[in-house]
Each structure stands twice: as structure tokens, then as C-alpha cells.
């Protein structure tokens, strides 16, 4: 297959839809898998969008493993606002998006990075999520470990994978409490999974740790 044919195939397997919610219009960019067995619905954090390096990598890698990826832009982001609203409003948006995510009739893995990971954990049981993927879970504000959000993570009530940077100021892997979830560390990485040039792994290798961990974990889900 030529590079042009590969590009055409990618376009055919990508669709976008706008979804009305009580928090405003959200947007889903679908990366469709052939013979999909799961949907991974993943949202961005409070300071970025679906162009984050980990979300782009997962959207590129997972369809080959039978997983359709739904990249979700929350209503505040679609509206062009630069500051995310309160957690309650984020949850309202996610609830409104959920019927569209479940429409293919497949189990849905609720996922997000940073603030999006908190939303996925808080709403998983209520919405009937098959599992939760928490990328860069913000365990606490930087420098404020006493402001722990561990209760949200521990309350997901479904199989949960946390992928955390080894140098994440919002919570290093060693700070996470024991619980019924899996945790994979991305060595040297910060909250955005960026690694310094002096690190013993490259940026591409760091992102590969994320994608390989998620592919393995999703493969283990019933």
C-alpha cells in the first residue's frame, strides 16, 4: 500500500460528530477499527485538547487492535474557552456525550487525561463503563499532597489502569495509595509525558510505554 493509499484509508475511518449536552455542544472525533470489540472514549485535560501526544498516539495505535477510539472534546473546549469549568459541569458534559459513545453497541472504556481522568473515574459506575483508563491522573495539585483526590480514583468500581509519569508534579507513582487498580510508570515523564533531553529514554520511547501499556491492558479486559 502506498503512503497516499494509507492516508485515504485513515480519512475513511475517521468521522466527526457534534453532540448536544446540558453543558453545551461537545465534539467526538472517531477513529474506527474494523471488527471493533471495544470503544475507548478519551477526553483531554483542563489545559489542552485532543492533540495531546498520548491521545494522538492511542488514536493511531488502537484501531489495529480492534478498538475504536473516540476522541472527545468537552463543550468548554468546543466553545473556544481557555479555562475549564467546575468538575460538576465537566461531569454533566460527559454524561451528555455518553449515549453517543455507547451507540455502536460495544463496551465503552471511559478514559481521560488529567482532569478528564477524574471525570472518567467519578462517572464510571453511574454510566456503566466497562473499565477506566486514567492518563496522568492528578492525584493532588502540585506541591499540595494533602489535597488528595485518591477517593475519586479508588471509587471507579471497574477495572482501572493508571499511566503516570515518573516525575509528574500532580502525583508521582510512589505517592499513589494501594488499591484495586493497575499503575504503569512512564520513566522521567512529566504530566504531559514529556521527558527531558537528558533522560535515558527518548520522547518516542516514552510515548511507546503509554501505548504498549494500554494495548496490553485492553487485551486483558473481558
C-alpha atoms as a PDB file:
ATOM      1  CA  UNK A   1       0.000   0.000   0.000  1.00  0.00           C
ATOM      2  CA  UNK A   2       1.355   3.415  -0.918  1.00  0.00           C
ATOM      3  CA  UNK A   3       1.515   6.334   1.500  1.00  0.00           C
ATOM      4  CA  UNK A   4      -1.330   8.044  -0.397  1.00  0.00           C
ATOM      5  CA  UNK A   5      -3.496   4.938  -0.048  1.00  0.00           C
ATOM      6  CA  UNK A   6      -2.687   4.772   3.653  1.00  0.00           C
ATOM      7  CA  UNK A   7      -3.736   8.402   4.044  1.00  0.00           C
ATOM      8  CA  UNK A   8      -7.001   7.785   2.180  1.00  0.00           C
ATOM      9  CA  UNK A   9      -7.766   4.780   4.353  1.00  0.00           C
ATOM     10  CA  UNK A  10      -7.165   6.816   7.512  1.00  0.00           C
ATOM     11  CA  UNK A  11      -9.563   9.504   6.312  1.00  0.00           C
ATOM     12  CA  UNK A  12     -12.266   6.927   5.518  1.00  0.00           C
ATOM     13  CA  UNK A  13     -12.003   5.527   9.020  1.00  0.00           C
ATOM     14  CA  UNK A  14     -12.222   8.912  10.745  1.00  0.00           C
ATOM     15  CA  UNK A  15     -15.517  10.693  11.308  1.00  0.00           C
ATOM     16  CA  UNK A  16     -16.553  13.626  13.461  1.00  0.00           C
ATOM     17  CA  UNK A  17     -19.860  14.381  15.130  1.00  0.00           C
ATOM     18  CA  UNK A  18     -21.217  17.153  17.314  1.00  0.00           C
ATOM     19  CA  UNK A  19     -23.223  16.112  20.353  1.00  0.00           C
ATOM     20  CA  UNK A  20     -25.561  18.412  22.301  1.00  0.00           C
ATOM     21  CA  UNK A  21     -25.275  18.210  26.099  1.00  0.00           C
ATOM     22  CA  UNK A  22     -26.647  20.201  29.017  1.00  0.00           C
ATOM     23  CA  UNK A  23     -23.209  21.839  29.239  1.00  0.00           C
ATOM     24  CA  UNK A  24     -23.131  22.843  25.554  1.00  0.00           C
ATOM     25  CA  UNK A  25     -22.089  21.141  22.334  1.00  0.00           C
ATOM     26  CA  UNK A  26     -19.342  18.536  22.552  1.00  0.00           C
ATOM     27  CA  UNK A  27     -17.431  17.018  19.659  1.00  0.00           C
ATOM     28  CA  UNK A  28     -16.322  13.431  19.038  1.00  0.00           C
ATOM     29  CA  UNK A  29     -13.632  12.513  16.536  1.00  0.00           C
ATOM     30  CA  UNK A  30     -13.954   8.815  15.801  1.00  0.00           C
ATOM     31  CA  UNK A  31     -11.062   6.611  14.710  1.00  0.00           C
ATOM     32  CA  UNK A  32     -12.857   3.477  13.598  1.00  0.00           C
ATOM     33  CA  UNK A  33     -11.490  -0.042  13.887  1.00  0.00           C
ATOM     34  CA  UNK A  34     -12.533  -2.882  11.619  1.00  0.00           C
ATOM     35  CA  UNK A  35     -14.499  -5.502  13.559  1.00  0.00           C
ATOM     36  CA  UNK A  36     -14.206  -3.402  16.707  1.00  0.00           C
ATOM     37  CA  UNK A  37     -14.809  -5.128  20.015  1.00  0.00           C
ATOM     38  CA  UNK A  38     -14.472  -2.064  22.278  1.00  0.00           C
ATOM     39  CA  UNK A  39     -14.741   1.706  22.215  1.00  0.00           C
ATOM     40  CA  UNK A  40     -12.113   3.740  24.053  1.00  0.00           C
ATOM     41  CA  UNK A  41     -13.693   7.123  24.780  1.00  0.00           C
ATOM     42  CA  UNK A  42     -10.976   9.517  25.872  1.00  0.00           C
ATOM     43  CA  UNK A  43     -11.137  13.185  26.795  1.00  0.00           C
ATOM     44  CA  UNK A  44      -8.494  15.856  27.252  1.00  0.00           C
ATOM     45  CA  UNK A  45      -7.384  17.717  30.351  1.00  0.00           C
ATOM     46  CA  UNK A  46      -8.109  21.208  31.622  1.00  0.00           C
ATOM     47  CA  UNK A  47      -5.167  22.784  29.834  1.00  0.00           C
ATOM     48  CA  UNK A  48      -5.116  21.083  26.448  1.00  0.00           C
ATOM     49  CA  UNK A  49      -7.030  19.253  23.775  1.00  0.00           C
ATOM     50  CA  UNK A  50      -7.162  16.014  21.847  1.00  0.00           C
ATOM     51  CA  UNK A  51      -3.875  16.917  20.166  1.00  0.00           C
ATOM     52  CA  UNK A  52      -2.001  15.804  23.319  1.00  0.00           C
ATOM     53  CA  UNK A  53       0.828  13.408  22.426  1.00  0.00           C
ATOM     54  CA  UNK A  54      -0.610  10.447  24.336  1.00  0.00           C
ATOM     55  CA  UNK A  55      -4.114  10.835  22.921  1.00  0.00           C
ATOM     56  CA  UNK A  56      -2.803  11.110  19.354  1.00  0.00           C
ATOM     57  CA  UNK A  57      -0.645   8.026  19.862  1.00  0.00           C
ATOM     58  CA  UNK A  58      -3.518   5.950  21.228  1.00  0.00           C
ATOM     59  CA  UNK A  59      -5.831   7.041  18.415  1.00  0.00           C
ATOM     60  CA  UNK A  60      -3.213   5.934  15.895  1.00  0.00           C
ATOM     61  CA  UNK A  61      -2.347   2.617  17.561  1.00  0.00           C
ATOM     62  CA  UNK A  62      -5.527   1.114  18.980  1.00  0.00           C
ATOM     63  CA  UNK A  63      -7.725   0.626  15.886  1.00  0.00           C
ATOM     64  CA  UNK A  64      -5.290  -2.040  14.663  1.00  0.00           C
ATOM     65  CA  UNK A  65      -6.085  -3.930  17.879  1.00  0.00           C
ATOM     66  CA  UNK A  66      -9.846  -3.910  17.403  1.00  0.00           C
ATOM     67  CA  UNK A  67     -10.513  -0.790  19.461  1.00  0.00           C
ATOM     68  CA  UNK A  68     -12.417   2.176  18.046  1.00  0.00           C
ATOM     69  CA  UNK A  69     -11.138   5.385  19.615  1.00  0.00           C
ATOM     70  CA  UNK A  70     -13.476   8.291  20.340  1.00  0.00           C
ATOM     71  CA  UNK A  71     -11.518  11.489  20.979  1.00  0.00           C
ATOM     72  CA  UNK A  72     -13.881  13.675  22.976  1.00  0.00           C
ATOM     73  CA  UNK A  73     -13.710  17.452  23.177  1.00  0.00           C
ATOM     74  CA  UNK A  74     -15.659  18.788  26.116  1.00  0.00           C
ATOM     75  CA  UNK A  75     -18.177  21.614  25.491  1.00  0.00           C
ATOM     76  CA  UNK A  76     -15.966  24.302  27.007  1.00  0.00           C
ATOM     77  CA  UNK A  77     -13.208  23.408  24.587  1.00  0.00           C
ATOM     78  CA  UNK A  78     -15.562  23.338  21.583  1.00  0.00           C
ATOM     79  CA  UNK A  79     -16.816  26.778  22.607  1.00  0.00           C
ATOM     80  CA  UNK A  80     -13.261  28.122  22.456  1.00  0.00           C
ATOM     81  CA  UNK A  81     -12.908  28.837  26.149  1.00  0.00           C
ATOM     82  CA  UNK A  82      -9.444  28.667  27.669  1.00  0.00           C
ATOM     83  CA  UNK A  83     -10.395  27.699  31.202  1.00  0.00           C
ATOM     84  CA  UNK A  84     -12.219  24.516  32.116  1.00  0.00           C
ATOM     85  CA  UNK A  85     -15.389  24.805  34.214  1.00  0.00           C
ATOM     86  CA  UNK A  86     -16.035  23.222  37.602  1.00  0.00           C
ATOM     87  CA  UNK A  87     -15.889  19.411  37.943  1.00  0.00           C
ATOM     88  CA  UNK A  88     -19.691  19.223  38.207  1.00  0.00           C
ATOM     89  CA  UNK A  89     -20.030  20.841  34.770  1.00  0.00           C
ATOM     90  CA  UNK A  90     -17.382  18.547  33.284  1.00  0.00           C
ATOM     91  CA  UNK A  91     -19.328  15.554  34.577  1.00  0.00           C
ATOM     92  CA  UNK A  92     -22.540  16.952  33.072  1.00  0.00           C
ATOM     93  CA  UNK A  93     -20.856  17.202  29.685  1.00  0.00           C
ATOM     94  CA  UNK A  94     -19.524  13.649  29.898  1.00  0.00           C
ATOM     95  CA  UNK A  95     -22.953  12.277  30.833  1.00  0.00           C
ATOM     96  CA  UNK A  96     -24.460  14.037  27.823  1.00  0.00           C
ATOM     97  CA  UNK A  97     -21.836  12.598  25.493  1.00  0.00           C
ATOM     98  CA  UNK A  98     -22.190   9.038  26.778  1.00  0.00           C
ATOM     99  CA  UNK A  99     -25.218   7.913  24.699  1.00  0.00           C
ATOM    100  CA  UNK A 100     -23.302   8.752  21.506  1.00  0.00           C
ATOM    101  CA  UNK A 101     -20.291   6.816  22.781  1.00  0.00           C
ATOM    102  CA  UNK A 102     -22.460   3.796  23.573  1.00  0.00           C
ATOM    103  CA  UNK A 103     -24.392   3.987  20.288  1.00  0.00           C
ATOM    104  CA  UNK A 104     -22.153   1.482  18.439  1.00  0.00           C
ATOM    105  CA  UNK A 105     -23.384  -1.136  20.908  1.00  0.00           C
ATOM    106  CA  UNK A 106     -19.915  -2.022  22.171  1.00  0.00           C
ATOM    107  CA  UNK A 107     -18.468  -1.955  25.703  1.00  0.00           C
ATOM    108  CA  UNK A 108     -17.077   1.509  26.392  1.00  0.00           C
ATOM    109  CA  UNK A 109     -13.812   2.108  28.241  1.00  0.00           C
ATOM    110  CA  UNK A 110     -14.109   5.528  29.840  1.00  0.00           C
ATOM    111  CA  UNK A 111     -10.809   7.363  29.624  1.00  0.00           C
ATOM    112  CA  UNK A 112      -9.218  10.745  30.002  1.00  0.00           C
ATOM    113  CA  UNK A 113      -6.032  12.580  30.723  1.00  0.00           C
ATOM    114  CA  UNK A 114      -5.624  14.726  33.847  1.00  0.00           C
ATOM    115  CA  UNK A 115      -8.989  16.404  34.582  1.00  0.00           C
ATOM    116  CA  UNK A 116     -10.549  14.066  32.031  1.00  0.00           C
ATOM    117  CA  UNK A 117      -9.265  11.101  34.039  1.00  0.00           C
ATOM    118  CA  UNK A 118     -11.023  12.447  37.125  1.00  0.00           C
ATOM    119  CA  UNK A 119     -14.272  12.722  35.171  1.00  0.00           C
ATOM    120  CA  UNK A 120     -13.917   9.137  33.919  1.00  0.00           C
ATOM    121  CA  UNK A 121     -13.372   7.840  37.459  1.00  0.00           C
ATOM    122  CA  UNK A 122     -16.197   9.841  39.007  1.00  0.00           C
ATOM    123  CA  UNK A 123     -18.814   8.738  36.468  1.00  0.00           C
ATOM    124  CA  UNK A 124     -17.726   5.190  35.573  1.00  0.00           C
ATOM    125  CA  UNK A 125     -20.096   3.239  37.809  1.00  0.00           C
ATOM    126  CA  UNK A 126     -23.057   5.511  37.094  1.00  0.00           C
ATOM    127  CA  UNK A 127     -22.666   5.313  33.322  1.00  0.00           C
ATOM    128  CA  UNK A 128     -21.866   1.608  33.149  1.00  0.00           C
ATOM    129  CA  UNK A 129     -18.322   1.969  31.845  1.00  0.00           C
ATOM    130  CA  UNK A 130     -16.597  -1.310  31.022  1.00  0.00           C
ATOM    131  CA  UNK A 131     -13.329  -0.032  32.524  1.00  0.00           C
ATOM    132  CA  UNK A 132     -11.401   3.207  33.138  1.00  0.00           C
ATOM    133  CA  UNK A 133      -8.125   4.428  31.691  1.00  0.00           C
ATOM    134  CA  UNK A 134      -6.619   7.300  33.683  1.00  0.00           C
ATOM    135  CA  UNK A 135      -3.761   9.071  31.930  1.00  0.00           C
ATOM    136  CA  UNK A 136      -1.740  11.388  34.179  1.00  0.00           C
ATOM    137  CA  UNK A 137      -4.275  11.220  36.995  1.00  0.00           C
ATOM    138  CA  UNK A 138      -3.900  14.466  39.005  1.00  0.00           C
ATOM    139  CA  UNK A 139      -3.642  12.896  42.438  1.00  0.00           C
ATOM    140  CA  UNK A 140      -3.167  16.320  44.012  1.00  0.00           C
ATOM    141  CA  UNK A 141      -2.349  19.905  42.983  1.00  0.00           C
ATOM    142  CA  UNK A 142       1.414  20.450  42.578  1.00  0.00           C
ATOM    143  CA  UNK A 143       3.058  20.876  45.964  1.00  0.00           C
ATOM    144  CA  UNK A 144      -0.198  20.108  47.808  1.00  0.00           C
ATOM    145  CA  UNK A 145      -0.181  16.375  48.589  1.00  0.00           C
ATOM    146  CA  UNK A 146      -2.647  16.940  51.421  1.00  0.00           C
ATOM    147  CA  UNK A 147      -5.293  17.810  48.782  1.00  0.00           C
ATOM    148  CA  UNK A 148      -5.580  14.199  47.653  1.00  0.00           C
ATOM    149  CA  UNK A 149      -8.072  13.100  45.011  1.00  0.00           C
ATOM    150  CA  UNK A 150      -7.423   9.420  45.655  1.00  0.00           C
ATOM    151  CA  UNK A 151     -11.050   8.854  46.599  1.00  0.00           C
ATOM    152  CA  UNK A 152     -12.113   9.541  43.012  1.00  0.00           C
ATOM    153  CA  UNK A 153      -9.658   7.007  41.641  1.00  0.00           C
ATOM    154  CA  UNK A 154     -10.478   4.363  44.218  1.00  0.00           C
ATOM    155  CA  UNK A 155     -14.195   4.854  43.647  1.00  0.00           C
ATOM    156  CA  UNK A 156     -14.307   3.914  39.960  1.00  0.00           C
ATOM    157  CA  UNK A 157     -15.698   0.429  40.796  1.00  0.00           C
ATOM    158  CA  UNK A 158     -14.479  -1.001  37.465  1.00  0.00           C
ATOM    159  CA  UNK A 159     -11.106  -2.293  36.200  1.00  0.00           C
ATOM    160  CA  UNK A 160      -8.814   0.730  36.088  1.00  0.00           C
ATOM    161  CA  UNK A 161      -5.401   1.437  34.615  1.00  0.00           C
ATOM    162  CA  UNK A 162      -3.384   4.500  35.635  1.00  0.00           C
ATOM    163  CA  UNK A 163      -0.499   5.552  33.390  1.00  0.00           C
ATOM    164  CA  UNK A 164       1.609   8.078  35.267  1.00  0.00           C
ATOM    165  CA  UNK A 165       4.782   9.998  34.564  1.00  0.00           C
ATOM    166  CA  UNK A 166       7.635   9.206  36.929  1.00  0.00           C
ATOM    167  CA  UNK A 167       8.183  12.925  37.506  1.00  0.00           C
ATOM    168  CA  UNK A 168       4.579  14.138  37.439  1.00  0.00           C
ATOM    169  CA  UNK A 169       4.184  17.096  39.847  1.00  0.00           C
ATOM    170  CA  UNK A 170       0.489  16.228  40.190  1.00  0.00           C
ATOM    171  CA  UNK A 171       1.458  12.907  41.769  1.00  0.00           C
ATOM    172  CA  UNK A 172       4.412  10.609  41.289  1.00  0.00           C
ATOM    173  CA  UNK A 173       3.706   6.874  41.077  1.00  0.00           C
ATOM    174  CA  UNK A 174       5.179   6.317  44.550  1.00  0.00           C
ATOM    175  CA  UNK A 175       2.565   8.659  46.035  1.00  0.00           C
ATOM    176  CA  UNK A 176      -0.408   6.618  44.870  1.00  0.00           C
ATOM    177  CA  UNK A 177      -2.236   4.595  47.530  1.00  0.00           C
ATOM    178  CA  UNK A 178      -2.767   0.873  47.356  1.00  0.00           C
ATOM    179  CA  UNK A 179      -5.996  -0.066  45.636  1.00  0.00           C
ATOM    180  CA  UNK A 180      -7.784  -2.235  43.104  1.00  0.00           C
ATOM    181  CA  UNK A 181      -6.204  -0.688  40.029  1.00  0.00           C
ATOM    182  CA  UNK A 182      -3.096  -1.138  37.906  1.00  0.00           C
ATOM    183  CA  UNK A 183      -0.405   1.518  37.591  1.00  0.00           C
ATOM    184  CA  UNK A 184       2.229   1.833  34.882  1.00  0.00           C
ATOM    185  CA  UNK A 185       5.051   4.348  35.245  1.00  0.00           C
ATOM    186  CA  UNK A 186       6.496   6.266  32.321  1.00  0.00           C
ATOM    187  CA  UNK A 187      10.099   6.877  33.446  1.00  0.00           C
ATOM    188  CA  UNK A 188      11.258  10.509  33.700  1.00  0.00           C
ATOM    189  CA  UNK A 189       7.981  11.818  32.252  1.00  0.00           C
ATOM    190  CA  UNK A 190       6.100  14.868  33.471  1.00  0.00           C
ATOM    191  CA  UNK A 191       2.333  15.492  33.491  1.00  0.00           C
ATOM    192  CA  UNK A 192       2.229  15.664  29.679  1.00  0.00           C
ATOM    193  CA  UNK A 193       4.502  12.593  29.339  1.00  0.00           C
ATOM    194  CA  UNK A 194       7.321  14.836  28.133  1.00  0.00           C
ATOM    195  CA  UNK A 195      10.798  13.644  29.077  1.00  0.00           C
ATOM    196  CA  UNK A 196      13.915  15.838  29.414  1.00  0.00           C
ATOM    197  CA  UNK A 197      16.637  15.542  26.800  1.00  0.00           C
ATOM    198  CA  UNK A 198      18.999  14.126  29.399  1.00  0.00           C
ATOM    199  CA  UNK A 199      16.629  11.237  30.197  1.00  0.00           C
ATOM    200  CA  UNK A 200      17.693   7.678  29.485  1.00  0.00           C
ATOM    201  CA  UNK A 201      14.727   7.199  27.178  1.00  0.00           C
ATOM    202  CA  UNK A 202      13.680   9.254  24.173  1.00  0.00           C
ATOM    203  CA  UNK A 203      10.370  11.047  23.764  1.00  0.00           C
ATOM    204  CA  UNK A 204       9.219   8.427  21.276  1.00  0.00           C
ATOM    205  CA  UNK A 205      10.127   5.657  23.708  1.00  0.00           C
ATOM    206  CA  UNK A 206       8.184   7.370  26.483  1.00  0.00           C
ATOM    207  CA  UNK A 207       5.062   7.556  24.332  1.00  0.00           C
ATOM    208  CA  UNK A 208       5.577   3.919  23.363  1.00  0.00           C
ATOM    209  CA  UNK A 209       5.455   2.977  27.055  1.00  0.00           C
ATOM    210  CA  UNK A 210       1.981   4.548  27.181  1.00  0.00           C
ATOM    211  CA  UNK A 211       0.621   2.865  24.072  1.00  0.00           C
ATOM    212  CA  UNK A 212       2.108  -0.538  24.830  1.00  0.00           C
ATOM    213  CA  UNK A 213       0.727  -0.494  28.370  1.00  0.00           C
ATOM    214  CA  UNK A 214      -2.741   0.412  27.141  1.00  0.00           C
ATOM    215  CA  UNK A 215      -2.717  -2.191  24.344  1.00  0.00           C
ATOM    216  CA  UNK A 216      -1.693  -4.903  26.836  1.00  0.00           C
ATOM    217  CA  UNK A 217      -4.260  -3.861  29.425  1.00  0.00           C
ATOM    218  CA  UNK A 218      -7.132  -3.581  26.949  1.00  0.00           C
ATOM    219  CA  UNK A 219      -6.223  -7.010  25.633  1.00  0.00           C
ATOM    220  CA  UNK A 220      -6.732  -8.387  29.154  1.00  0.00           C
ATOM    221  CA  UNK A 221     -10.249  -6.983  29.526  1.00  0.00           C
ATOM    222  CA  UNK A 222     -13.042  -9.497  29.205  1.00  0.00           C
END
